Amino acid sequence: MAILQDQAAELEALRAENARLKEKMQARQTITFKVSDKGALSVYGLQRWPVTLYKQQWLKLAKVMPQLQEFISANDGALAEKE
């Protein structure tokens, strides 16, 4: 009887750990923004390190976003994918 209780407790602990890990993974997949100490905009959640550009750089990139999407579509076979 004690063995079953131990196994049930261990199973519950593993379920809790699994839920914690799933929550951590979802948090990593969320894209967040932060203003750096130097006044730049950092985007978190795209890769291991943040992508940091200054305001004018982000605005310049935003203006050419349709061209970027076209380029990606045109070169779809040559571009690697990474999650």
PDB file of N, CA and C in Angstrom:
ATOM      1  N   MET A   1       0.825  -1.194   0.000  1.00  0.00           N
ATOM      2  CA  MET A   1       0.000   0.000   0.000  1.00  0.00           C
ATOM      3  C   MET A   1       0.871   1.261   0.000  1.00  0.00           C
ATOM      4  N   ALA A   2       1.955   1.241   0.759  1.00  0.00           N
ATOM      5  CA  ALA A   2       2.855   2.389   0.825  1.00  0.00           C
ATOM      6  C   ALA A   2       3.525   2.635  -0.518  1.00  0.00           C
ATOM      7  N   ILE A   3       3.810   1.565  -1.242  1.00  0.00           N
ATOM      8  CA  ILE A   3       4.450   1.701  -2.556  1.00  0.00           C
ATOM      9  C   ILE A   3       3.517   2.439  -3.515  1.00  0.00           C
ATOM     10  N   LEU A   4       2.231   2.110  -3.478  1.00  0.00           N
ATOM     11  CA  LEU A   4       1.260   2.773  -4.346  1.00  0.00           C
ATOM     12  C   LEU A   4       1.144   4.259  -4.001  1.00  0.00           C
ATOM     13  N   GLN A   5       1.178   4.572  -2.723  1.00  0.00           N
ATOM     14  CA  GLN A   5       1.107   5.971  -2.302  1.00  0.00           C
ATOM     15  C   GLN A   5       2.356   6.730  -2.754  1.00  0.00           C
ATOM     16  N   ASP A   6       3.517   6.070  -2.642  1.00  0.00           N
ATOM     17  CA  ASP A   6       4.764   6.684  -3.096  1.00  0.00           C
ATOM     18  C   ASP A   6       4.739   6.939  -4.599  1.00  0.00           C
ATOM     19  N   GLN A   7       4.235   5.954  -5.340  1.00  0.00           N
ATOM     20  CA  GLN A   7       4.153   6.098  -6.792  1.00  0.00           C
ATOM     21  C   GLN A   7       3.161   7.193  -7.178  1.00  0.00           C
ATOM     22  N   ALA A   8       2.042   7.268  -6.452  1.00  0.00           N
ATOM     23  CA  ALA A   8       1.047   8.302  -6.723  1.00  0.00           C
ATOM     24  C   ALA A   8       1.641   9.681  -6.439  1.00  0.00           C
ATOM     25  N   ALA A   9       2.396   9.817  -5.364  1.00  0.00           N
ATOM     26  CA  ALA A   9       3.037  11.092  -5.032  1.00  0.00           C
ATOM     27  C   ALA A   9       4.079  11.454  -6.081  1.00  0.00           C
ATOM     28  N   GLU A  10       4.841  10.469  -6.528  1.00  0.00           N
ATOM     29  CA  GLU A  10       5.854  10.714  -7.551  1.00  0.00           C
ATOM     30  C   GLU A  10       5.199  11.131  -8.871  1.00  0.00           C
ATOM     31  N   LEU A  11       4.094  10.467  -9.223  1.00  0.00           N
ATOM     32  CA  LEU A  11       3.366  10.804 -10.437  1.00  0.00           C
ATOM     33  C   LEU A  11       2.842  12.238 -10.370  1.00  0.00           C
ATOM     34  N   GLU A  12       2.316  12.615  -9.224  1.00  0.00           N
ATOM     35  CA  GLU A  12       1.805  13.979  -9.053  1.00  0.00           C
ATOM     36  C   GLU A  12       2.942  15.008  -9.159  1.00  0.00           C
ATOM     37  N   ALA A  13       4.088  14.687  -8.596  1.00  0.00           N
ATOM     38  CA  ALA A  13       5.240  15.577  -8.685  1.00  0.00           C
ATOM     39  C   ALA A  13       5.696  15.725 -10.138  1.00  0.00           C
ATOM     40  N   LEU A  14       5.693  14.635 -10.877  1.00  0.00           N
ATOM     41  CA  LEU A  14       6.079  14.683 -12.297  1.00  0.00           C
ATOM     42  C   LEU A  14       5.079  15.493 -13.112  1.00  0.00           C
ATOM     43  N   ARG A  15       3.804  15.359 -12.807  1.00  0.00           N
ATOM     44  CA  ARG A  15       2.783  16.146 -13.513  1.00  0.00           C
ATOM     45  C   ARG A  15       2.977  17.638 -13.236  1.00  0.00           C
ATOM     46  N   ALA A  16       3.272  17.971 -11.994  1.00  0.00           N
ATOM     47  CA  ALA A  16       3.496  19.373 -11.638  1.00  0.00           C
ATOM     48  C   ALA A  16       4.728  19.922 -12.359  1.00  0.00           C
ATOM     49  N   GLU A  17       5.790  19.129 -12.416  1.00  0.00           N
ATOM     50  CA  GLU A  17       7.007  19.537 -13.118  1.00  0.00           C
ATOM     51  C   GLU A  17       6.743  19.711 -14.612  1.00  0.00           C
ATOM     52  N   ASN A  18       5.966  18.814 -15.187  1.00  0.00           N
ATOM     53  CA  ASN A  18       5.606  18.893 -16.602  1.00  0.00           C
ATOM     54  C   ASN A  18       4.818  20.173 -16.881  1.00  0.00           C
ATOM     55  N   ALA A  19       3.873  20.487 -16.020  1.00  0.00           N
ATOM     56  CA  ALA A  19       3.086  21.706 -16.190  1.00  0.00           C
ATOM     57  C   ALA A  19       3.978  22.942 -16.081  1.00  0.00           C
ATOM     58  N   ARG A  20       4.917  22.936 -15.147  1.00  0.00           N
ATOM     59  CA  ARG A  20       5.836  24.053 -14.988  1.00  0.00           C
ATOM     60  C   ARG A  20       6.704  24.240 -16.238  1.00  0.00           C
ATOM     61  N   LEU A  21       7.196  23.115 -16.792  1.00  0.00           N
ATOM     62  CA  LEU A  21       8.026  23.194 -18.000  1.00  0.00           C
ATOM     63  C   LEU A  21       7.228  23.680 -19.197  1.00  0.00           C
ATOM     64  N   LYS A  22       5.983  23.245 -19.331  1.00  0.00           N
ATOM     65  CA  LYS A  22       5.135  23.705 -20.426  1.00  0.00           C
ATOM     66  C   LYS A  22       4.889  25.203 -20.322  1.00  0.00           C
ATOM     67  N   GLU A  23       4.660  25.677 -19.113  1.00  0.00           N
ATOM     68  CA  GLU A  23       4.445  27.104 -18.897  1.00  0.00           C
ATOM     69  C   GLU A  23       5.697  27.900 -19.256  1.00  0.00           C
ATOM     70  N   LYS A  24       6.847  27.373 -18.893  1.00  0.00           N
ATOM     71  CA  LYS A  24       8.114  28.031 -19.209  1.00  0.00           C
ATOM     72  C   LYS A  24       8.326  28.103 -20.724  1.00  0.00           C
ATOM     73  N   MET A  25       7.995  27.038 -21.441  1.00  0.00           N
ATOM     74  CA  MET A  25       8.141  27.026 -22.895  1.00  0.00           C
ATOM     75  C   MET A  25       7.195  28.027 -23.548  1.00  0.00           C
ATOM     76  N   GLN A  26       5.977  28.127 -23.045  1.00  0.00           N
ATOM     77  CA  GLN A  26       5.030  29.085 -23.610  1.00  0.00           C
ATOM     78  C   GLN A  26       5.508  30.509 -23.375  1.00  0.00           C
ATOM     79  N   ALA A  27       6.099  30.755 -22.216  1.00  0.00           N
ATOM     80  CA  ALA A  27       6.626  32.089 -21.928  1.00  0.00           C
ATOM     81  C   ALA A  27       7.748  32.441 -22.893  1.00  0.00           C
ATOM     82  N   ARG A  28       8.558  31.478 -23.264  1.00  0.00           N
ATOM     83  CA  ARG A  28       9.644  31.720 -24.224  1.00  0.00           C
ATOM     84  C   ARG A  28       9.104  32.057 -25.602  1.00  0.00           C
ATOM     85  N   GLN A  29       7.968  31.505 -25.956  1.00  0.00           N
ATOM     86  CA  GLN A  29       7.406  31.723 -27.281  1.00  0.00           C
ATOM     87  C   GLN A  29       6.663  33.051 -27.381  1.00  0.00           C
ATOM     88  N   THR A  30       6.453  33.714 -26.260  1.00  0.00           N
ATOM     89  CA  THR A  30       5.780  35.000 -26.249  1.00  0.00           C
ATOM     90  C   THR A  30       6.779  36.091 -26.621  1.00  0.00           C
ATOM     91  N   ILE A  31       6.387  36.951 -27.515  1.00  0.00           N
ATOM     92  CA  ILE A  31       7.244  38.056 -27.912  1.00  0.00           C
ATOM     93  C   ILE A  31       6.944  39.240 -26.998  1.00  0.00           C
ATOM     94  N   THR A  32       7.993  39.788 -26.402  1.00  0.00           N
ATOM     95  CA  THR A  32       7.854  40.940 -25.516  1.00  0.00           C
ATOM     96  C   THR A  32       8.825  42.030 -25.929  1.00  0.00           C
ATOM     97  N   PHE A  33       8.564  43.229 -25.456  1.00  0.00           N
ATOM     98  CA  PHE A  33       9.364  44.398 -25.811  1.00  0.00           C
ATOM     99  C   PHE A  33       9.882  45.071 -24.549  1.00  0.00           C
ATOM    100  N   LYS A  34      11.043  45.710 -24.683  1.00  0.00           N
ATOM    101  CA  LYS A  34      11.631  46.421 -23.565  1.00  0.00           C
ATOM    102  C   LYS A  34      12.491  47.555 -24.114  1.00  0.00           C
ATOM    103  N   VAL A  35      12.485  48.680 -23.408  1.00  0.00           N
ATOM    104  CA  VAL A  35      13.380  49.783 -23.760  1.00  0.00           C
ATOM    105  C   VAL A  35      14.676  49.554 -23.000  1.00  0.00           C
ATOM    106  N   SER A  36      15.786  49.524 -23.725  1.00  0.00           N
ATOM    107  CA  SER A  36      17.086  49.285 -23.103  1.00  0.00           C
ATOM    108  C   SER A  36      17.564  50.518 -22.346  1.00  0.00           C
ATOM    109  N   ASP A  37      18.628  50.348 -21.597  1.00  0.00           N
ATOM    110  CA  ASP A  37      19.217  51.465 -20.844  1.00  0.00           C
ATOM    111  C   ASP A  37      19.664  52.601 -21.767  1.00  0.00           C
ATOM    112  N   LYS A  38      20.021  52.264 -22.993  1.00  0.00           N
ATOM    113  CA  LYS A  38      20.490  53.261 -23.956  1.00  0.00           C
ATOM    114  C   LYS A  38      19.354  53.827 -24.817  1.00  0.00           C
ATOM    115  N   GLY A  39      18.123  53.406 -24.541  1.00  0.00           N
ATOM    116  CA  GLY A  39      16.976  53.935 -25.271  1.00  0.00           C
ATOM    117  C   GLY A  39      16.615  53.179 -26.529  1.00  0.00           C
ATOM    118  N   ALA A  40      17.181  52.014 -26.727  1.00  0.00           N
ATOM    119  CA  ALA A  40      16.853  51.201 -27.901  1.00  0.00           C
ATOM    120  C   ALA A  40      15.671  50.287 -27.563  1.00  0.00           C
ATOM    121  N   LEU A  41      15.040  49.749 -28.590  1.00  0.00           N
ATOM    122  CA  LEU A  41      13.927  48.829 -28.412  1.00  0.00           C
ATOM    123  C   LEU A  41      14.431  47.401 -28.590  1.00  0.00           C
ATOM    124  N   SER A  42      14.268  46.595 -27.555  1.00  0.00           N
ATOM    125  CA  SER A  42      14.684  45.189 -27.604  1.00  0.00           C
ATOM    126  C   SER A  42      13.452  44.309 -27.730  1.00  0.00           C
ATOM    127  N   VAL A  43      13.508  43.348 -28.638  1.00  0.00           N
ATOM    128  CA  VAL A  43      12.425  42.392 -28.835  1.00  0.00           C
ATOM    129  C   VAL A  43      12.918  41.042 -28.328  1.00  0.00           C
ATOM    130  N   TYR A  44      12.197  40.496 -27.366  1.00  0.00           N
ATOM    131  CA  TYR A  44      12.535  39.211 -26.766  1.00  0.00           C
ATOM    132  C   TYR A  44      11.574  38.148 -27.280  1.00  0.00           C
ATOM    133  N   GLY A  45      12.064  36.926 -27.396  1.00  0.00           N
ATOM    134  CA  GLY A  45      11.212  35.806 -27.777  1.00  0.00           C
ATOM    135  C   GLY A  45      11.389  35.326 -29.203  1.00  0.00           C
ATOM    136  N   LEU A  46      12.247  35.961 -29.964  1.00  0.00           N
ATOM    137  CA  LEU A  46      12.508  35.516 -31.333  1.00  0.00           C
ATOM    138  C   LEU A  46      13.639  34.500 -31.375  1.00  0.00           C
ATOM    139  N   GLN A  47      14.606  34.686 -30.521  1.00  0.00           N
ATOM    140  CA  GLN A  47      15.782  33.824 -30.472  1.00  0.00           C
ATOM    141  C   GLN A  47      16.327  33.858 -29.056  1.00  0.00           C
ATOM    142  N   ARG A  48      17.478  33.253 -28.865  1.00  0.00           N
ATOM    143  CA  ARG A  48      18.054  33.179 -27.519  1.00  0.00           C
ATOM    144  C   ARG A  48      18.337  34.561 -26.940  1.00  0.00           C
ATOM    145  N   TRP A  49      18.859  35.455 -27.773  1.00  0.00           N
ATOM    146  CA  TRP A  49      19.191  36.806 -27.340  1.00  0.00           C
ATOM    147  C   TRP A  49      18.193  37.775 -27.934  1.00  0.00           C
ATOM    148  N   PRO A  50      17.992  38.919 -27.288  1.00  0.00           N
ATOM    149  CA  PRO A  50      17.048  39.890 -27.847  1.00  0.00           C
ATOM    150  C   PRO A  50      17.580  40.515 -29.135  1.00  0.00           C
ATOM    151  N   VAL A  51      16.650  40.953 -29.961  1.00  0.00           N
ATOM    152  CA  VAL A  51      16.994  41.725 -31.152  1.00  0.00           C
ATOM    153  C   VAL A  51      16.792  43.183 -30.762  1.00  0.00           C
ATOM    154  N   THR A  52      17.866  43.957 -30.811  1.00  0.00           N
ATOM    155  CA  THR A  52      17.815  45.338 -30.332  1.00  0.00           C
ATOM    156  C   THR A  52      18.197  46.310 -31.441  1.00  0.00           C
ATOM    157  N   LEU A  53      17.294  47.238 -31.711  1.00  0.00           N
ATOM    158  CA  LEU A  53      17.528  48.300 -32.685  1.00  0.00           C
ATOM    159  C   LEU A  53      16.997  49.605 -32.095  1.00  0.00           C
ATOM    160  N   TYR A  54      17.464  50.716 -32.617  1.00  0.00           N
ATOM    161  CA  TYR A  54      16.938  52.011 -32.194  1.00  0.00           C
ATOM    162  C   TYR A  54      15.650  52.305 -32.955  1.00  0.00           C
ATOM    163  N   LYS A  55      14.891  53.263 -32.446  1.00  0.00           N
ATOM    164  CA  LYS A  55      13.562  53.571 -32.979  1.00  0.00           C
ATOM    165  C   LYS A  55      13.566  53.768 -34.493  1.00  0.00           C
ATOM    166  N   GLN A  56      14.481  54.578 -34.993  1.00  0.00           N
ATOM    167  CA  GLN A  56      14.520  54.846 -36.433  1.00  0.00           C
ATOM    168  C   GLN A  56      14.801  53.573 -37.235  1.00  0.00           C
ATOM    169  N   GLN A  57      15.608  52.691 -36.687  1.00  0.00           N
ATOM    170  CA  GLN A  57      15.895  51.433 -37.376  1.00  0.00           C
ATOM    171  C   GLN A  57      14.640  50.573 -37.454  1.00  0.00           C
ATOM    172  N   TRP A  58      13.881  50.494 -36.346  1.00  0.00           N
ATOM    173  CA  TRP A  58      12.634  49.717 -36.358  1.00  0.00           C
ATOM    174  C   TRP A  58      11.639  50.312 -37.337  1.00  0.00           C
ATOM    175  N   LEU A  59      11.530  51.644 -37.355  1.00  0.00           N
ATOM    176  CA  LEU A  59      10.593  52.296 -38.265  1.00  0.00           C
ATOM    177  C   LEU A  59      10.987  52.072 -39.724  1.00  0.00           C
ATOM    178  N   LYS A  60      12.281  52.118 -40.003  1.00  0.00           N
ATOM    179  CA  LYS A  60      12.781  51.852 -41.352  1.00  0.00           C
ATOM    180  C   LYS A  60      12.456  50.421 -41.774  1.00  0.00           C
ATOM    181  N   LEU A  61      12.646  49.487 -40.850  1.00  0.00           N
ATOM    182  CA  LEU A  61      12.328  48.079 -41.123  1.00  0.00           C
ATOM    183  C   LEU A  61      10.827  47.882 -41.330  1.00  0.00           C
ATOM    184  N   ALA A  62      10.026  48.562 -40.524  1.00  0.00           N
ATOM    185  CA  ALA A  62       8.568  48.441 -40.649  1.00  0.00           C
ATOM    186  C   ALA A  62       8.079  48.919 -42.016  1.00  0.00           C
ATOM    187  N   LYS A  63       8.710  49.965 -42.561  1.00  0.00           N
ATOM    188  CA  LYS A  63       8.322  50.499 -43.872  1.00  0.00           C
ATOM    189  C   LYS A  63       8.544  49.490 -44.999  1.00  0.00           C
ATOM    190  N   VAL A  64       9.575  48.674 -44.873  1.00  0.00           N
ATOM    191  CA  VAL A  64       9.895  47.728 -45.946  1.00  0.00           C
ATOM    192  C   VAL A  64       9.353  46.321 -45.651  1.00  0.00           C
ATOM    193  N   MET A  65       8.505  46.190 -44.651  1.00  0.00           N
ATOM    194  CA  MET A  65       7.974  44.874 -44.292  1.00  0.00           C
ATOM    195  C   MET A  65       7.284  44.164 -45.462  1.00  0.00           C
ATOM    196  N   PRO A  66       6.466  44.853 -46.284  1.00  0.00           N
ATOM    197  CA  PRO A  66       5.872  44.154 -47.441  1.00  0.00           C
ATOM    198  C   PRO A  66       6.941  43.595 -48.396  1.00  0.00           C
ATOM    199  N   GLN A  67       8.016  44.351 -48.595  1.00  0.00           N
ATOM    200  CA  GLN A  67       9.100  43.875 -49.459  1.00  0.00           C
ATOM    201  C   GLN A  67       9.794  42.667 -48.826  1.00  0.00           C
ATOM    202  N   LEU A  68       9.963  42.707 -47.519  1.00  0.00           N
ATOM    203  CA  LEU A  68      10.576  41.582 -46.815  1.00  0.00           C
ATOM    204  C   LEU A  68       9.722  40.329 -46.959  1.00  0.00           C
ATOM    205  N   GLN A  69       8.421  40.476 -46.810  1.00  0.00           N
ATOM    206  CA  GLN A  69       7.531  39.327 -46.953  1.00  0.00           C
ATOM    207  C   GLN A  69       7.568  38.771 -48.376  1.00  0.00           C
ATOM    208  N   GLU A  70       7.630  39.632 -49.368  1.00  0.00           N
ATOM    209  CA  GLU A  70       7.745  39.189 -50.761  1.00  0.00           C
ATOM    210  C   GLU A  70       9.059  38.446 -50.986  1.00  0.00           C
ATOM    211  N   PHE A  71      10.140  38.988 -50.435  1.00  0.00           N
ATOM    212  CA  PHE A  71      11.446  38.358 -50.575  1.00  0.00           C
ATOM    213  C   PHE A  71      11.442  36.968 -49.943  1.00  0.00           C
ATOM    214  N   ILE A  72      10.844  36.854 -48.767  1.00  0.00           N
ATOM    215  CA  ILE A  72      10.762  35.553 -48.087  1.00  0.00           C
ATOM    216  C   ILE A  72       9.962  34.567 -48.943  1.00  0.00           C
ATOM    217  N   SER A  73       8.853  35.013 -49.492  1.00  0.00           N
ATOM    218  CA  SER A  73       8.036  34.137 -50.338  1.00  0.00           C
ATOM    219  C   SER A  73       8.800  33.700 -51.584  1.00  0.00           C
ATOM    220  N   ALA A  74       9.511  34.639 -52.197  1.00  0.00           N
ATOM    221  CA  ALA A  74      10.252  34.331 -53.422  1.00  0.00           C
ATOM    222  C   ALA A  74      11.421  33.388 -53.171  1.00  0.00           C
ATOM    223  N   ASN A  75      11.974  33.413 -51.970  1.00  0.00           N
ATOM    224  CA  ASN A  75      13.142  32.594 -51.641  1.00  0.00           C
ATOM    225  C   ASN A  75      12.825  31.500 -50.630  1.00  0.00           C
ATOM    226  N   ASP A  76      11.566  31.112 -50.577  1.00  0.00           N
ATOM    227  CA  ASP A  76      11.102  30.149 -49.569  1.00  0.00           C
ATOM    228  C   ASP A  76      11.911  28.861 -49.558  1.00  0.00           C
ATOM    229  N   GLY A  77      12.243  28.339 -50.720  1.00  0.00           N
ATOM    230  CA  GLY A  77      12.981  27.079 -50.797  1.00  0.00           C
ATOM    231  C   GLY A  77      14.421  27.165 -50.318  1.00  0.00           C
ATOM    232  N   ALA A  78      14.997  28.338 -50.407  1.00  0.00           N
ATOM    233  CA  ALA A  78      16.405  28.508 -50.026  1.00  0.00           C
ATOM    234  C   ALA A  78      16.578  28.897 -48.561  1.00  0.00           C
ATOM    235  N   LEU A  79      15.507  29.354 -47.925  1.00  0.00           N
ATOM    236  CA  LEU A  79      15.600  29.830 -46.538  1.00  0.00           C
ATOM    237  C   LEU A  79      15.374  28.706 -45.555  1.00  0.00           C
ATOM    238  N   ALA A  80      16.205  28.661 -44.530  1.00  0.00           N
ATOM    239  CA  ALA A  80      16.073  27.650 -43.478  1.00  0.00           C
ATOM    240  C   ALA A  80      15.025  28.109 -42.480  1.00  0.00           C
ATOM    241  N   GLU A  81      14.422  27.143 -41.800  1.00  0.00           N
ATOM    242  CA  GLU A  81      13.430  27.442 -40.771  1.00  0.00           C
ATOM    243  C   GLU A  81      13.944  26.966 -39.437  1.00  0.00           C
ATOM    244  N   LYS A  82      13.727  27.790 -38.427  1.00  0.00           N
ATOM    245  CA  LYS A  82      14.166  27.425 -37.078  1.00  0.00           C
ATOM    246  C   LYS A  82      13.098  27.896 -36.109  1.00  0.00           C
ATOM    247  N   GLU A  83      12.730  27.042 -35.207  1.00  0.00           N
ATOM    248  CA  GLU A  83      11.733  27.398 -34.183  1.00  0.00           C
ATOM    249  C   GLU A  83      12.406  27.996 -32.994  1.00  0.00           C
TER     250      GLU A  83
END
